[in-house]
C-alpha atoms as a PDB file:
ATOM      1  CA  MET A   1    -142.407  88.451  -8.049  1.00  0.00           C
ATOM      2  CA  SER A   2    -144.191  91.091  -9.926  1.00  0.00           C
ATOM      3  CA  ALA A   3    -147.830  91.105 -10.235  1.00  0.00           C
ATOM      4  CA  GLN A   4    -148.017  91.121 -14.114  1.00  0.00           C
ATOM      5  CA  THR A   5    -146.253  87.966 -14.530  1.00  0.00           C
ATOM      6  CA  ASN A   6    -146.781  84.513 -13.397  1.00  0.00           C
ATOM      7  CA  PRO A   7    -144.281  82.258 -11.129  1.00  0.00           C
ATOM      8  CA  LYS A   8    -143.003  80.339 -14.131  1.00  0.00           C
ATOM      9  CA  GLU A   9    -142.021  83.639 -16.317  1.00  0.00           C
ATOM     10  CA  ASP A  10    -140.519  85.050 -13.079  1.00  0.00           C
ATOM     11  CA  ASP A  11    -138.125  81.971 -12.704  1.00  0.00           C
ATOM     12  CA  ASN A  12    -137.043  82.278 -16.045  1.00  0.00           C
ATOM     13  CA  LEU A  13    -135.990  85.382 -15.186  1.00  0.00           C
ATOM     14  CA  LEU A  14    -134.579  85.181 -11.854  1.00  0.00           C
ATOM     15  CA  LYS A  15    -132.567  82.030 -12.606  1.00  0.00           C
ATOM     16  CA  PRO A  16    -130.284  83.826 -15.386  1.00  0.00           C
ATOM     17  CA  LEU A  17    -129.471  86.800 -12.926  1.00  0.00           C
ATOM     18  CA  VAL A  18    -128.810  84.623  -9.810  1.00  0.00           C
ATOM     19  CA  ASP A  19    -126.422  82.568 -12.089  1.00  0.00           C
ATOM     20  CA  ARG A  20    -124.824  85.984 -13.147  1.00  0.00           C
ATOM     21  CA  ILE A  21    -124.291  86.925  -9.749  1.00  0.00           C
ATOM     22  CA  GLU A  22    -123.137  83.908  -8.331  1.00  0.00           C
ATOM     23  CA  ARG A  23    -120.418  83.481 -11.006  1.00  0.00           C
ATOM     24  CA  LEU A  24    -119.532  87.241 -10.700  1.00  0.00           C
ATOM     25  CA  GLU A  25    -118.687  86.108  -6.915  1.00  0.00           C
ATOM     26  CA  GLU A  26    -116.529  83.366  -8.091  1.00  0.00           C
ATOM     27  CA  GLU A  27    -114.688  85.791 -10.048  1.00  0.00           C
ATOM     28  CA  LYS A  28    -114.343  88.019  -6.984  1.00  0.00           C
ATOM     29  CA  ALA A  29    -113.007  85.832  -4.748  1.00  0.00           C
ATOM     30  CA  ASP A  30    -110.549  84.660  -7.409  1.00  0.00           C
ATOM     31  CA  LEU A  31    -109.571  88.011  -7.706  1.00  0.00           C
ATOM     32  CA  ALA A  32    -109.218  88.609  -3.930  1.00  0.00           C
ATOM     33  CA  ALA A  33    -106.804  85.344  -3.601  1.00  0.00           C
ATOM     34  CA  ALA A  34    -104.756  86.814  -6.769  1.00  0.00           C
ATOM     35  CA  ILE A  35    -104.611  90.181  -4.915  1.00  0.00           C
ATOM     36  CA  ARG A  36    -103.527  88.450  -1.804  1.00  0.00           C
ATOM     37  CA  GLU A  37    -100.959  86.430  -3.524  1.00  0.00           C
ATOM     38  CA  VAL A  38     -99.235  89.485  -5.020  1.00  0.00           C
ATOM     39  CA  TYR A  39     -99.452  91.275  -1.634  1.00  0.00           C
ATOM     40  CA  ALA A  40     -97.447  88.231  -0.190  1.00  0.00           C
ATOM     41  CA  GLU A  41     -95.074  88.296  -2.618  1.00  0.00           C
ATOM     42  CA  ALA A  42     -94.465  91.992  -2.563  1.00  0.00           C
ATOM     43  CA  LYS A  43     -93.935  90.957   1.493  1.00  0.00           C
ATOM     44  CA  SER A  44     -91.679  88.535   0.385  1.00  0.00           C
ATOM     45  CA  LEU A  45     -89.413  91.329  -1.401  1.00  0.00           C
ATOM     46  CA  GLY A  46     -89.174  93.197   1.734  1.00  0.00           C
ATOM     47  CA  PHE A  47     -91.883  95.599   0.706  1.00  0.00           C
ATOM     48  CA  ASP A  48     -94.669  96.606   3.693  1.00  0.00           C
ATOM     49  CA  PRO A  49     -98.088  95.516   2.549  1.00  0.00           C
ATOM     50  CA  LYS A  50     -99.855  98.170   4.781  1.00  0.00           C
ATOM     51  CA  VAL A  51     -98.076 100.936   3.039  1.00  0.00           C
ATOM     52  CA  ILE A  52     -98.477  99.504  -0.374  1.00  0.00           C
ATOM     53  CA  ARG A  53    -102.358  99.393   0.298  1.00  0.00           C
ATOM     54  CA  GLU A  54    -102.069 103.109   1.523  1.00  0.00           C
ATOM     55  CA  LEU A  55    -100.276 104.120  -1.900  1.00  0.00           C
ATOM     56  CA  ILE A  56    -102.939 102.310  -3.726  1.00  0.00           C
ATOM     57  CA  LYS A  57    -105.621 104.292  -1.617  1.00  0.00           C
ATOM     58  CA  ILE A  58    -103.968 107.468  -2.199  1.00  0.00           C
ATOM     59  CA  ARG A  59    -103.705 106.630  -6.243  1.00  0.00           C
ATOM     60  CA  LYS A  60    -107.099 106.483  -6.131  1.00  0.00           C
ATOM     61  CA  MET A  61    -107.867 109.901  -4.646  1.00  0.00           C
ATOM     62  CA  ASP A  62    -108.072 112.992  -6.579  1.00  0.00           C
ATOM     63  CA  SER A  63    -105.897 115.673  -6.157  1.00  0.00           C
ATOM     64  CA  HIS A  64    -107.907 118.065  -4.442  1.00  0.00           C
ATOM     65  CA  ASP A  65    -109.128 115.357  -1.656  1.00  0.00           C
ATOM     66  CA  LEU A  66    -105.449 114.372  -1.148  1.00  0.00           C
ATOM     67  CA  ASP A  67    -104.402 117.818  -0.561  1.00  0.00           C
ATOM     68  CA  GLU A  68    -107.173 118.261   1.593  1.00  0.00           C
ATOM     69  CA  LYS A  69    -106.286 115.083   3.669  1.00  0.00           C
ATOM     70  CA  GLU A  70    -102.386 116.016   3.671  1.00  0.00           C
ATOM     71  CA  ALA A  71    -103.142 119.419   5.204  1.00  0.00           C
ATOM     72  CA  LEU A  72    -105.529 117.961   8.002  1.00  0.00           C
ATOM     73  CA  LEU A  73    -103.029 115.329   9.125  1.00  0.00           C
ATOM     74  CA  HIS A  74    -100.374 117.895   9.431  1.00  0.00           C
ATOM     75  CA  LEU A  75    -102.546 120.372  11.181  1.00  0.00           C
ATOM     76  CA  TYR A  76    -103.426 117.355  13.614  1.00  0.00           C
ATOM     77  CA  LYS A  77    -100.021 116.320  13.920  1.00  0.00           C
ATOM     78  CA  GLN A  78     -99.108 120.024  14.679  1.00  0.00           C
ATOM     79  CA  ALA A  79    -101.623 119.919  17.542  1.00  0.00           C
ATOM     80  CA  MET A  80    -100.524 116.731  19.036  1.00  0.00           C
ATOM     81  CA  GLY A  81     -96.728 118.081  19.048  1.00  0.00           C
ATOM     82  CA  MET A  82     -95.912 115.544  16.398  1.00  0.00           C
ATOM     83  CA  GLY A  83     -94.101 118.066  14.230  1.00  0.00           C
END
């Protein structure tokens, strides 16, 4: 509560914010369930969900960050005798 408003005014400001957050949390849960369903569908078609998650992560990266990550991975693999 702010020092400049009375508790009733704060309630009038707070309730709509809390309602919006709760609604968005519900939408987020629905979206998460839908995403899980798509991964399950992909798995049933023979795709590996872990690999799909990695592909999505890679697609979000900018090309410079991806190049840097791949170079480090190659370097570390060589250091470990993995090629």
